[in-house]
Amino acid sequence: MDRALKLGLNVYVHGPPGIGRTSFLRQIQRRRPEARYTRLHGFDTLTERLEEVERGLTGQRRLRRQAPNQWAATIENLSGTTYKSVEDPYEHLRAAAKKLPDDPSPVMLADDLDEKGIGEMFGHWRDRAWEVPIKWVVSGTSASLDPPADTFFDVFVELERFDSEELQDLLRRRTATGPPVQRDTLKSMSESALESISPCTPRRALSVLRDLYLSDDLEHEASRLEEMQKARASLKPTAAKVLDALGERGPTYAGDEQLLAEVGVTRSRVVQILAELEARGLVAAERSGRRKLYGANTKRSTSTSPAGSTAQEAP
């Protein structure tokens, strides 16, 4: 990564939710004083994203764009794209970047940008983005990018799930404090629990450790985790992917676009799988307005016997 930035290359960092993309970017920020961090999740239009990048780059919106007319604003809000009359949406960001020291040149760490945002910022407006005198490190969940956004980035970095050895190292660092007797007991219980969920994201591992540490009955909690992993082992690949995604990203709804992209099936199939997982006690559901949110069940006992078609799904 350091060599890529020294060579002035743009970098795309990807991995599933909970893999540590934000921590990865923060590590770059700590090592490189010229790096600036911004999180782009929740910004729906190109204008909003570029203004947030400008704020992250300079600390303020000194060169904020002129407010669009009422019709332009309406079109932009409805379409989720910049109004067509804007010839160069990067104009003000480019001007702001030119006011910064160029030795070393600024590094913009743009975190949590969805596929649509990447396609617009670095695909549709790729040539304009190239003209901004900064280096980009962008993080997202998509493993591959559609042309022409894919050609904007010179280096692709995939953050992979932790294997057993990495999880044990995480455990050692997490159990480094506390009374020796309690520490040894927790470590003994945690080792088998982490082994059963390997490979997984750091977020998932820390969630398991938290449940163990906060439990009043370590043996019962460890047994429950083992029971859930046995139930998961009976699932076919797609159902297991859905369950893993809920464990890693937290509660979400069946139409979550990132969830659908991650598991690679239609919304109707995810709805069916979630209903079957709920019937088996592997997920819990609750209403949030009109939506039904599903999350990995961490409270109730589960059944390892197949129910419905989840365990019988064709590969």
C-alpha atoms as a PDB file:
ATOM      1  CA  MET A   1       0.000   0.000   0.000  1.00  0.00           C
ATOM      2  CA  ASP A   2       2.767   2.465   0.949  1.00  0.00           C
ATOM      3  CA  ARG A   3       4.571   1.782  -2.319  1.00  0.00           C
ATOM      4  CA  ALA A   4       1.376   2.286  -4.315  1.00  0.00           C
ATOM      5  CA  LEU A   5       0.775   5.689  -2.709  1.00  0.00           C
ATOM      6  CA  LYS A   6       4.416   6.710  -3.195  1.00  0.00           C
ATOM      7  CA  LEU A   7       4.016   5.931  -6.887  1.00  0.00           C
ATOM      8  CA  GLY A   8       0.868   8.082  -7.050  1.00  0.00           C
ATOM      9  CA  LEU A   9      -1.496   5.172  -7.751  1.00  0.00           C
ATOM     10  CA  ASN A  10      -5.198   5.100  -6.938  1.00  0.00           C
ATOM     11  CA  VAL A  11      -6.275   2.204  -4.709  1.00  0.00           C
ATOM     12  CA  TYR A  12      -9.582   0.398  -4.265  1.00  0.00           C
ATOM     13  CA  VAL A  13     -10.028  -1.528  -0.986  1.00  0.00           C
ATOM     14  CA  HIS A  14     -12.864  -4.039  -0.763  1.00  0.00           C
ATOM     15  CA  GLY A  15     -14.235  -6.669   1.573  1.00  0.00           C
ATOM     16  CA  PRO A  16     -17.492  -7.679   3.290  1.00  0.00           C
ATOM     17  CA  PRO A  17     -19.083  -5.605   6.063  1.00  0.00           C
ATOM     18  CA  GLY A  18     -17.199  -6.015   9.327  1.00  0.00           C
ATOM     19  CA  ILE A  19     -13.911  -6.955   7.661  1.00  0.00           C
ATOM     20  CA  GLY A  20     -12.122  -3.824   8.916  1.00  0.00           C
ATOM     21  CA  ARG A  21     -12.098  -1.478   5.922  1.00  0.00           C
ATOM     22  CA  THR A  22     -12.492   1.608   8.111  1.00  0.00           C
ATOM     23  CA  SER A  23      -9.719   0.451  10.461  1.00  0.00           C
ATOM     24  CA  PHE A  24      -7.509  -0.155   7.429  1.00  0.00           C
ATOM     25  CA  LEU A  25      -8.036   3.400   6.170  1.00  0.00           C
ATOM     26  CA  ARG A  26      -7.512   4.847   9.636  1.00  0.00           C
ATOM     27  CA  GLN A  27      -4.155   3.044   9.827  1.00  0.00           C
ATOM     28  CA  ILE A  28      -3.129   4.738   6.574  1.00  0.00           C
ATOM     29  CA  GLN A  29      -4.255   8.082   8.001  1.00  0.00           C
ATOM     30  CA  ARG A  30      -2.162   7.594  11.131  1.00  0.00           C
ATOM     31  CA  ARG A  31       0.962   6.775   9.119  1.00  0.00           C
ATOM     32  CA  ARG A  32       0.584   9.477   6.467  1.00  0.00           C
ATOM     33  CA  PRO A  33       0.029  13.088   7.618  1.00  0.00           C
ATOM     34  CA  GLU A  34      -1.053  14.089   4.099  1.00  0.00           C
ATOM     35  CA  ALA A  35      -3.985  11.651   4.221  1.00  0.00           C
ATOM     36  CA  ARG A  36      -7.525  12.944   4.772  1.00  0.00           C
ATOM     37  CA  TYR A  37     -10.446  10.709   5.763  1.00  0.00           C
ATOM     38  CA  THR A  38     -14.134  11.000   4.886  1.00  0.00           C
ATOM     39  CA  ARG A  39     -17.044   8.551   5.039  1.00  0.00           C
ATOM     40  CA  LEU A  40     -19.465   8.713   2.113  1.00  0.00           C
ATOM     41  CA  HIS A  41     -22.165   6.329   3.324  1.00  0.00           C
ATOM     42  CA  GLY A  42     -25.584   7.992   3.209  1.00  0.00           C
ATOM     43  CA  PHE A  43     -24.733  10.690   0.668  1.00  0.00           C
ATOM     44  CA  ASP A  44     -27.085  10.049  -2.233  1.00  0.00           C
ATOM     45  CA  THR A  45     -26.001  12.451  -4.972  1.00  0.00           C
ATOM     46  CA  LEU A  46     -22.711  13.242  -6.658  1.00  0.00           C
ATOM     47  CA  THR A  47     -22.904  16.837  -5.452  1.00  0.00           C
ATOM     48  CA  GLU A  48     -23.299  15.733  -1.837  1.00  0.00           C
ATOM     49  CA  ARG A  49     -20.427  13.271  -2.088  1.00  0.00           C
ATOM     50  CA  LEU A  50     -18.045  15.779  -3.666  1.00  0.00           C
ATOM     51  CA  GLU A  51     -18.923  18.419  -1.082  1.00  0.00           C
ATOM     52  CA  GLU A  52     -18.204  15.904   1.682  1.00  0.00           C
ATOM     53  CA  VAL A  53     -14.880  14.992   0.049  1.00  0.00           C
ATOM     54  CA  GLU A  54     -14.052  18.712  -0.147  1.00  0.00           C
ATOM     55  CA  ARG A  55     -14.901  19.113   3.531  1.00  0.00           C
ATOM     56  CA  GLY A  56     -12.712  16.148   4.436  1.00  0.00           C
ATOM     57  CA  LEU A  57      -9.891  17.448   2.285  1.00  0.00           C
ATOM     58  CA  THR A  58      -9.847  21.074   3.485  1.00  0.00           C
ATOM     59  CA  GLY A  59     -11.767  20.993   6.770  1.00  0.00           C
ATOM     60  CA  GLN A  60     -14.427  23.299   5.370  1.00  0.00           C
ATOM     61  CA  ARG A  61     -16.481  24.007   2.283  1.00  0.00           C
ATOM     62  CA  ARG A  62     -14.678  27.183   1.288  1.00  0.00           C
ATOM     63  CA  LEU A  63     -15.454  26.694  -2.380  1.00  0.00           C
ATOM     64  CA  ARG A  64     -18.985  25.442  -2.003  1.00  0.00           C
ATOM     65  CA  ARG A  65     -20.976  25.235  -5.195  1.00  0.00           C
ATOM     66  CA  GLN A  66     -23.627  27.725  -6.147  1.00  0.00           C
ATOM     67  CA  ALA A  67     -27.035  26.481  -5.103  1.00  0.00           C
ATOM     68  CA  PRO A  68     -28.815  24.987  -8.151  1.00  0.00           C
ATOM     69  CA  ASN A  69     -32.099  26.417  -9.270  1.00  0.00           C
ATOM     70  CA  GLN A  70     -35.279  24.849  -7.987  1.00  0.00           C
ATOM     71  CA  TRP A  71     -35.831  22.627 -11.026  1.00  0.00           C
ATOM     72  CA  ALA A  72     -32.221  21.404 -10.980  1.00  0.00           C
ATOM     73  CA  ALA A  73     -32.457  20.575  -7.288  1.00  0.00           C
ATOM     74  CA  THR A  74     -35.704  18.643  -7.843  1.00  0.00           C
ATOM     75  CA  ILE A  75     -34.214  16.644 -10.726  1.00  0.00           C
ATOM     76  CA  GLU A  76     -31.092  15.840  -8.728  1.00  0.00           C
ATOM     77  CA  ASN A  77     -33.013  14.687  -5.664  1.00  0.00           C
ATOM     78  CA  LEU A  78     -35.329  12.481  -7.717  1.00  0.00           C
ATOM     79  CA  SER A  79     -32.706  10.939  -9.972  1.00  0.00           C
ATOM     80  CA  GLY A  80     -29.858  10.640  -7.461  1.00  0.00           C
ATOM     81  CA  THR A  81     -27.475  12.140  -9.999  1.00  0.00           C
ATOM     82  CA  THR A  82     -26.042  15.561 -10.690  1.00  0.00           C
ATOM     83  CA  TYR A  83     -28.150  17.870 -12.839  1.00  0.00           C
ATOM     84  CA  LYS A  84     -27.158  17.523 -16.504  1.00  0.00           C
ATOM     85  CA  SER A  85     -26.330  21.200 -16.907  1.00  0.00           C
ATOM     86  CA  VAL A  86     -23.295  20.770 -14.639  1.00  0.00           C
ATOM     87  CA  GLU A  87     -20.408  20.386 -17.106  1.00  0.00           C
ATOM     88  CA  ASP A  88     -17.680  19.719 -14.534  1.00  0.00           C
ATOM     89  CA  PRO A  89     -18.857  18.654 -11.058  1.00  0.00           C
ATOM     90  CA  TYR A  90     -15.201  18.290  -9.984  1.00  0.00           C
ATOM     91  CA  GLU A  91     -14.359  21.916 -10.707  1.00  0.00           C
ATOM     92  CA  HIS A  92     -14.530  23.161  -7.126  1.00  0.00           C
ATOM     93  CA  LEU A  93     -12.884  20.080  -5.614  1.00  0.00           C
ATOM     94  CA  ARG A  94     -10.026  20.466  -8.071  1.00  0.00           C
ATOM     95  CA  ALA A  95      -9.627  24.135  -7.117  1.00  0.00           C
ATOM     96  CA  ALA A  96      -9.644  23.239  -3.402  1.00  0.00           C
ATOM     97  CA  ALA A  97      -7.030  20.515  -3.899  1.00  0.00           C
ATOM     98  CA  LYS A  98      -4.730  22.895  -5.761  1.00  0.00           C
ATOM     99  CA  LYS A  99      -4.577  25.122  -2.677  1.00  0.00           C
ATOM    100  CA  LEU A 100      -3.041  22.295  -0.616  1.00  0.00           C
ATOM    101  CA  PRO A 101       0.717  21.521  -0.451  1.00  0.00           C
ATOM    102  CA  ASP A 102       1.801  19.280  -3.321  1.00  0.00           C
ATOM    103  CA  ASP A 103       4.789  17.698  -1.585  1.00  0.00           C
ATOM    104  CA  PRO A 104       3.631  15.178  -0.634  1.00  0.00           C
ATOM    105  CA  SER A 105       0.423  15.327  -2.629  1.00  0.00           C
ATOM    106  CA  PRO A 106      -2.803  14.839  -0.649  1.00  0.00           C
ATOM    107  CA  VAL A 107      -4.306  11.378  -0.203  1.00  0.00           C
ATOM    108  CA  MET A 108      -8.100  11.189  -0.009  1.00  0.00           C
ATOM    109  CA  LEU A 109      -9.393   8.195   1.990  1.00  0.00           C
ATOM    110  CA  ALA A 110     -13.011   7.821   0.856  1.00  0.00           C
ATOM    111  CA  ASP A 111     -14.699   5.189   3.021  1.00  0.00           C
ATOM    112  CA  ASP A 112     -17.857   3.139   2.534  1.00  0.00           C
ATOM    113  CA  LEU A 113     -18.820   4.155  -0.996  1.00  0.00           C
ATOM    114  CA  ASP A 114     -21.471   1.978  -2.606  1.00  0.00           C
ATOM    115  CA  GLU A 115     -21.293   0.564  -6.120  1.00  0.00           C
ATOM    116  CA  LYS A 116     -23.551   3.252  -7.564  1.00  0.00           C
ATOM    117  CA  GLY A 117     -21.437   6.025  -6.063  1.00  0.00           C
ATOM    118  CA  ILE A 118     -18.210   4.482  -7.361  1.00  0.00           C
ATOM    119  CA  GLY A 119     -19.704   4.114 -10.824  1.00  0.00           C
ATOM    120  CA  GLU A 120     -20.729   7.744 -10.919  1.00  0.00           C
ATOM    121  CA  MET A 121     -17.698   9.357  -9.263  1.00  0.00           C
ATOM    122  CA  PHE A 122     -15.000   7.304 -10.964  1.00  0.00           C
ATOM    123  CA  GLY A 123     -16.812   5.842 -13.971  1.00  0.00           C
ATOM    124  CA  HIS A 124     -19.154   8.387 -15.539  1.00  0.00           C
ATOM    125  CA  TRP A 125     -16.908  11.280 -14.379  1.00  0.00           C
ATOM    126  CA  ARG A 126     -13.651   9.318 -14.484  1.00  0.00           C
ATOM    127  CA  ASP A 127     -11.702  11.786 -16.640  1.00  0.00           C
ATOM    128  CA  ARG A 128     -12.671  14.714 -14.412  1.00  0.00           C
ATOM    129  CA  ALA A 129     -11.726  12.752 -11.296  1.00  0.00           C
ATOM    130  CA  TRP A 130      -8.310  12.058 -12.829  1.00  0.00           C
ATOM    131  CA  GLU A 131      -7.712  15.800 -13.147  1.00  0.00           C
ATOM    132  CA  VAL A 132      -8.016  16.408  -9.381  1.00  0.00           C
ATOM    133  CA  PRO A 133      -4.410  16.567  -8.035  1.00  0.00           C
ATOM    134  CA  ILE A 134      -4.891  14.037  -5.244  1.00  0.00           C
ATOM    135  CA  LYS A 135      -4.410  10.290  -4.790  1.00  0.00           C
ATOM    136  CA  TRP A 136      -7.495   8.245  -3.961  1.00  0.00           C
ATOM    137  CA  VAL A 137      -7.952   5.293  -1.622  1.00  0.00           C
ATOM    138  CA  VAL A 138     -11.603   4.237  -1.860  1.00  0.00           C
ATOM    139  CA  SER A 139     -13.274   1.452   0.113  1.00  0.00           C
ATOM    140  CA  GLY A 140     -16.398  -0.509  -0.755  1.00  0.00           C
ATOM    141  CA  THR A 141     -17.975  -3.950  -0.560  1.00  0.00           C
ATOM    142  CA  SER A 142     -18.088  -4.785  -4.284  1.00  0.00           C
ATOM    143  CA  ALA A 143     -15.417  -7.306  -5.253  1.00  0.00           C
ATOM    144  CA  SER A 144     -15.356  -6.055  -8.853  1.00  0.00           C
ATOM    145  CA  LEU A 145     -16.132  -2.722 -10.501  1.00  0.00           C
ATOM    146  CA  ASP A 146     -17.902  -2.122 -13.786  1.00  0.00           C
ATOM    147  CA  PRO A 147     -16.102  -0.324 -16.619  1.00  0.00           C
ATOM    148  CA  PRO A 148     -14.989   2.391 -16.874  1.00  0.00           C
ATOM    149  CA  ALA A 149     -14.662   2.807 -13.075  1.00  0.00           C
ATOM    150  CA  ASP A 150     -12.423  -0.259 -12.910  1.00  0.00           C
ATOM    151  CA  THR A 151      -9.726   1.503 -14.935  1.00  0.00           C
ATOM    152  CA  PHE A 152      -9.580   4.476 -12.550  1.00  0.00           C
ATOM    153  CA  PHE A 153      -7.920   2.315  -9.891  1.00  0.00           C
ATOM    154  CA  ASP A 154      -4.427   0.947 -10.377  1.00  0.00           C
ATOM    155  CA  VAL A 155      -4.362  -1.317  -7.318  1.00  0.00           C
ATOM    156  CA  PHE A 156      -7.107  -3.514  -5.851  1.00  0.00           C
ATOM    157  CA  VAL A 157      -6.723  -4.628  -2.218  1.00  0.00           C
ATOM    158  CA  GLU A 158      -8.983  -7.380  -0.890  1.00  0.00           C
ATOM    159  CA  LEU A 159      -9.387  -7.666   2.875  1.00  0.00           C
ATOM    160  CA  GLU A 160     -10.060 -11.319   3.594  1.00  0.00           C
ATOM    161  CA  ARG A 161     -11.835 -12.970   6.487  1.00  0.00           C
ATOM    162  CA  PHE A 162      -9.620 -13.965   9.413  1.00  0.00           C
ATOM    163  CA  ASP A 163      -8.450 -17.576   9.453  1.00  0.00           C
ATOM    164  CA  SER A 164      -8.008 -19.625  12.625  1.00  0.00           C
ATOM    165  CA  GLU A 165      -4.490 -18.355  13.322  1.00  0.00           C
ATOM    166  CA  GLU A 166      -5.496 -14.708  12.923  1.00  0.00           C
ATOM    167  CA  LEU A 167      -8.527 -15.228  15.156  1.00  0.00           C
ATOM    168  CA  GLN A 168      -6.344 -16.749  17.853  1.00  0.00           C
ATOM    169  CA  ASP A 169      -4.034 -13.733  17.654  1.00  0.00           C
ATOM    170  CA  LEU A 170      -7.081 -11.474  18.026  1.00  0.00           C
ATOM    171  CA  LEU A 171      -8.111 -13.525  21.067  1.00  0.00           C
ATOM    172  CA  ARG A 172      -4.677 -13.236  22.670  1.00  0.00           C
ATOM    173  CA  ARG A 173      -4.767  -9.461  22.359  1.00  0.00           C
ATOM    174  CA  ARG A 174      -8.315  -9.256  23.710  1.00  0.00           C
ATOM    175  CA  THR A 175      -7.575 -11.452  26.743  1.00  0.00           C
ATOM    176  CA  ALA A 176      -4.311  -9.727  27.680  1.00  0.00           C
ATOM    177  CA  THR A 177      -5.926  -7.962  30.654  1.00  0.00           C
ATOM    178  CA  GLY A 178      -7.988  -9.056  33.628  1.00  0.00           C
ATOM    179  CA  PRO A 179      -7.443 -11.465  36.534  1.00  0.00           C
ATOM    180  CA  PRO A 180      -5.374 -14.516  35.489  1.00  0.00           C
ATOM    181  CA  VAL A 181      -7.995 -17.108  36.497  1.00  0.00           C
ATOM    182  CA  GLN A 182     -10.797 -15.361  34.651  1.00  0.00           C
ATOM    183  CA  ARG A 183      -8.528 -14.654  31.685  1.00  0.00           C
ATOM    184  CA  ASP A 184      -7.526 -18.302  31.354  1.00  0.00           C
ATOM    185  CA  THR A 185     -11.136 -19.484  31.628  1.00  0.00           C
ATOM    186  CA  LEU A 186     -12.324 -17.030  28.988  1.00  0.00           C
ATOM    187  CA  LYS A 187      -9.437 -17.922  26.711  1.00  0.00           C
ATOM    188  CA  SER A 188     -10.179 -21.628  26.989  1.00  0.00           C
ATOM    189  CA  MET A 189     -13.869 -21.143  26.170  1.00  0.00           C
ATOM    190  CA  SER A 190     -13.180 -18.608  23.419  1.00  0.00           C
ATOM    191  CA  GLU A 191     -10.632 -20.715  21.549  1.00  0.00           C
ATOM    192  CA  SER A 192     -13.137 -23.428  20.681  1.00  0.00           C
ATOM    193  CA  ALA A 193     -15.842 -20.861  19.859  1.00  0.00           C
ATOM    194  CA  LEU A 194     -13.593 -18.972  17.436  1.00  0.00           C
ATOM    195  CA  GLU A 195     -12.358 -22.192  15.890  1.00  0.00           C
ATOM    196  CA  SER A 196     -15.940 -23.141  15.050  1.00  0.00           C
ATOM    197  CA  ILE A 197     -16.677 -19.873  13.190  1.00  0.00           C
ATOM    198  CA  SER A 198     -13.370 -19.633  11.309  1.00  0.00           C
ATOM    199  CA  PRO A 199     -12.955 -18.035   8.816  1.00  0.00           C
ATOM    200  CA  CYS A 200     -14.970 -14.937   9.684  1.00  0.00           C
ATOM    201  CA  THR A 201     -14.728 -11.169   9.861  1.00  0.00           C
ATOM    202  CA  PRO A 202     -13.201  -9.422  12.881  1.00  0.00           C
ATOM    203  CA  ARG A 203     -16.629  -7.942  13.651  1.00  0.00           C
ATOM    204  CA  ARG A 204     -18.180 -11.397  13.866  1.00  0.00           C
ATOM    205  CA  ALA A 205     -15.329 -12.670  16.043  1.00  0.00           C
ATOM    206  CA  LEU A 206     -15.583  -9.713  18.415  1.00  0.00           C
ATOM    207  CA  SER A 207     -19.345 -10.231  18.655  1.00  0.00           C
ATOM    208  CA  VAL A 208     -18.783 -13.850  19.735  1.00  0.00           C
ATOM    209  CA  LEU A 209     -16.148 -12.805  22.273  1.00  0.00           C
ATOM    210  CA  ARG A 210     -18.444 -10.113  23.656  1.00  0.00           C
ATOM    211  CA  ASP A 211     -21.274 -12.606  24.166  1.00  0.00           C
ATOM    212  CA  LEU A 212     -18.897 -14.934  25.995  1.00  0.00           C
ATOM    213  CA  TYR A 213     -17.373 -12.227  28.165  1.00  0.00           C
ATOM    214  CA  LEU A 214     -20.737 -10.812  29.219  1.00  0.00           C
ATOM    215  CA  SER A 215     -22.367 -14.167  29.880  1.00  0.00           C
ATOM    216  CA  ASP A 216     -23.135 -15.239  33.438  1.00  0.00           C
ATOM    217  CA  ASP A 217     -22.781 -18.870  32.343  1.00  0.00           C
ATOM    218  CA  LEU A 218     -19.744 -19.382  30.107  1.00  0.00           C
ATOM    219  CA  GLU A 219     -20.357 -23.086  29.527  1.00  0.00           C
ATOM    220  CA  HIS A 220     -23.966 -22.485  28.487  1.00  0.00           C
ATOM    221  CA  GLU A 221     -22.959 -19.670  26.130  1.00  0.00           C
ATOM    222  CA  ALA A 222     -20.161 -21.750  24.575  1.00  0.00           C
ATOM    223  CA  SER A 223     -22.574 -24.651  24.157  1.00  0.00           C
ATOM    224  CA  ARG A 224     -25.136 -22.368  22.492  1.00  0.00           C
ATOM    225  CA  LEU A 225     -22.532 -21.107  20.024  1.00  0.00           C
ATOM    226  CA  GLU A 226     -21.505 -24.669  19.202  1.00  0.00           C
ATOM    227  CA  GLU A 227     -25.165 -25.569  18.686  1.00  0.00           C
ATOM    228  CA  MET A 228     -25.646 -22.679  16.268  1.00  0.00           C
ATOM    229  CA  GLN A 229     -22.582 -23.678  14.257  1.00  0.00           C
ATOM    230  CA  LYS A 230     -23.877 -27.248  13.970  1.00  0.00           C
ATOM    231  CA  ALA A 231     -27.190 -25.885  12.712  1.00  0.00           C
ATOM    232  CA  ARG A 232     -25.359 -23.682  10.201  1.00  0.00           C
ATOM    233  CA  ALA A 233     -23.361 -26.683   8.973  1.00  0.00           C
ATOM    234  CA  SER A 234     -26.620 -28.330   7.850  1.00  0.00           C
ATOM    235  CA  LEU A 235     -27.467 -25.419   5.546  1.00  0.00           C
ATOM    236  CA  LYS A 236     -26.818 -25.272   1.839  1.00  0.00           C
ATOM    237  CA  PRO A 237     -24.435 -22.577   0.523  1.00  0.00           C
ATOM    238  CA  THR A 238     -26.895 -19.758  -0.192  1.00  0.00           C
ATOM    239  CA  ALA A 239     -28.708 -20.090   3.128  1.00  0.00           C
ATOM    240  CA  ALA A 240     -25.354 -20.176   4.931  1.00  0.00           C
ATOM    241  CA  LYS A 241     -24.299 -17.015   3.058  1.00  0.00           C
ATOM    242  CA  VAL A 242     -27.472 -15.228   4.182  1.00  0.00           C
ATOM    243  CA  LEU A 243     -26.918 -16.278   7.791  1.00  0.00           C
ATOM    244  CA  ASP A 244     -23.250 -15.259   7.698  1.00  0.00           C
ATOM    245  CA  ALA A 245     -24.130 -11.895   6.151  1.00  0.00           C
ATOM    246  CA  LEU A 246     -26.576 -11.165   8.972  1.00  0.00           C
ATOM    247  CA  GLY A 247     -23.965 -12.114  11.550  1.00  0.00           C
ATOM    248  CA  GLU A 248     -21.383  -9.839   9.968  1.00  0.00           C
ATOM    249  CA  ARG A 249     -23.420  -6.797   8.953  1.00  0.00           C
ATOM    250  CA  GLY A 250     -26.050  -6.864  11.696  1.00  0.00           C
ATOM    251  CA  PRO A 251     -29.850  -6.727  11.296  1.00  0.00           C
ATOM    252  CA  THR A 252     -31.147  -5.786   7.860  1.00  0.00           C
ATOM    253  CA  TYR A 253     -34.167  -6.315   5.625  1.00  0.00           C
ATOM    254  CA  ALA A 254     -34.718  -8.669   2.700  1.00  0.00           C
ATOM    255  CA  GLY A 255     -34.430  -5.924   0.070  1.00  0.00           C
ATOM    256  CA  ASP A 256     -31.032  -4.644   1.231  1.00  0.00           C
ATOM    257  CA  GLU A 257     -29.137  -4.187  -2.056  1.00  0.00           C
ATOM    258  CA  GLN A 258     -25.760  -4.973  -0.498  1.00  0.00           C
ATOM    259  CA  LEU A 259     -27.154  -8.162   1.041  1.00  0.00           C
ATOM    260  CA  LEU A 260     -28.604  -9.248  -2.324  1.00  0.00           C
ATOM    261  CA  ALA A 261     -25.320  -8.512  -4.092  1.00  0.00           C
ATOM    262  CA  GLU A 262     -23.356 -10.423  -1.481  1.00  0.00           C
ATOM    263  CA  VAL A 263     -25.445 -13.599  -1.585  1.00  0.00           C
ATOM    264  CA  GLY A 264     -26.132 -13.405  -5.330  1.00  0.00           C
ATOM    265  CA  VAL A 265     -29.845 -14.264  -5.403  1.00  0.00           C
ATOM    266  CA  THR A 266     -33.132 -12.439  -5.893  1.00  0.00           C
ATOM    267  CA  ARG A 267     -35.070 -10.649  -3.189  1.00  0.00           C
ATOM    268  CA  SER A 268     -37.877 -13.225  -3.358  1.00  0.00           C
ATOM    269  CA  ARG A 269     -35.394 -16.043  -2.711  1.00  0.00           C
ATOM    270  CA  VAL A 270     -33.879 -14.151   0.230  1.00  0.00           C
ATOM    271  CA  VAL A 271     -37.384 -13.649   1.667  1.00  0.00           C
ATOM    272  CA  GLN A 272     -37.964 -17.411   1.423  1.00  0.00           C
ATOM    273  CA  ILE A 273     -34.610 -18.256   3.015  1.00  0.00           C
ATOM    274  CA  LEU A 274     -35.109 -15.765   5.862  1.00  0.00           C
ATOM    275  CA  ALA A 275     -38.535 -17.234   6.647  1.00  0.00           C
ATOM    276  CA  GLU A 276     -37.047 -20.724   6.793  1.00  0.00           C
ATOM    277  CA  LEU A 277     -34.106 -19.600   8.934  1.00  0.00           C
ATOM    278  CA  GLU A 278     -36.543 -17.865  11.282  1.00  0.00           C
ATOM    279  CA  ALA A 279     -38.599 -21.070  11.567  1.00  0.00           C
ATOM    280  CA  ARG A 280     -35.454 -22.941  12.586  1.00  0.00           C
ATOM    281  CA  GLY A 281     -34.555 -20.320  15.183  1.00  0.00           C
ATOM    282  CA  LEU A 282     -31.390 -19.234  13.394  1.00  0.00           C
ATOM    283  CA  VAL A 283     -32.597 -15.686  12.790  1.00  0.00           C
ATOM    284  CA  ALA A 284     -34.884 -13.368  14.733  1.00  0.00           C
ATOM    285  CA  ALA A 285     -37.182 -10.802  13.142  1.00  0.00           C
ATOM    286  CA  GLU A 286     -38.748  -7.584  14.346  1.00  0.00           C
ATOM    287  CA  ARG A 287     -40.823  -4.849  12.761  1.00  0.00           C
ATOM    288  CA  SER A 288     -39.241  -1.489  11.948  1.00  0.00           C
ATOM    289  CA  GLY A 289     -41.976   0.622  10.436  1.00  0.00           C
ATOM    290  CA  ARG A 290     -43.176  -1.160   7.320  1.00  0.00           C
ATOM    291  CA  ARG A 291     -40.068  -3.274   7.106  1.00  0.00           C
ATOM    292  CA  LYS A 292     -39.207  -6.503   8.806  1.00  0.00           C
ATOM    293  CA  LEU A 293     -35.634  -6.550  10.079  1.00  0.00           C
ATOM    294  CA  TYR A 294     -33.794  -9.855  10.368  1.00  0.00           C
ATOM    295  CA  GLY A 295     -30.747 -10.544  12.479  1.00  0.00           C
ATOM    296  CA  ALA A 296     -28.754 -13.609  13.506  1.00  0.00           C
ATOM    297  CA  ASN A 297     -30.426 -15.096  16.584  1.00  0.00           C
ATOM    298  CA  THR A 298     -28.118 -14.857  19.586  1.00  0.00           C
ATOM    299  CA  LYS A 299     -30.690 -15.610  22.276  1.00  0.00           C
ATOM    300  CA  ARG A 300     -32.762 -18.715  21.626  1.00  0.00           C
ATOM    301  CA  SER A 301     -31.828 -22.351  21.223  1.00  0.00           C
ATOM    302  CA  THR A 302     -31.804 -23.640  17.665  1.00  0.00           C
ATOM    303  CA  SER A 303     -32.777 -26.867  15.980  1.00  0.00           C
ATOM    304  CA  THR A 304     -30.219 -28.719  13.877  1.00  0.00           C
ATOM    305  CA  SER A 305     -32.861 -30.725  12.035  1.00  0.00           C
ATOM    306  CA  PRO A 306     -33.707 -29.452   8.527  1.00  0.00           C
ATOM    307  CA  ALA A 307     -36.928 -27.518   8.118  1.00  0.00           C
ATOM    308  CA  GLY A 308     -38.549 -26.490   4.890  1.00  0.00           C
ATOM    309  CA  SER A 309     -36.275 -26.292   1.837  1.00  0.00           C
ATOM    310  CA  THR A 310     -33.388 -24.321   3.376  1.00  0.00           C
ATOM    311  CA  ALA A 311     -31.322 -27.396   4.113  1.00  0.00           C
ATOM    312  CA  GLN A 312     -32.497 -29.100   0.906  1.00  0.00           C
ATOM    313  CA  GLU A 313     -31.656 -26.271  -1.492  1.00  0.00           C
ATOM    314  CA  ALA A 314     -29.952 -27.396  -4.669  1.00  0.00           C
ATOM    315  CA  PRO A 315     -26.309 -26.316  -4.808  1.00  0.00           C
END
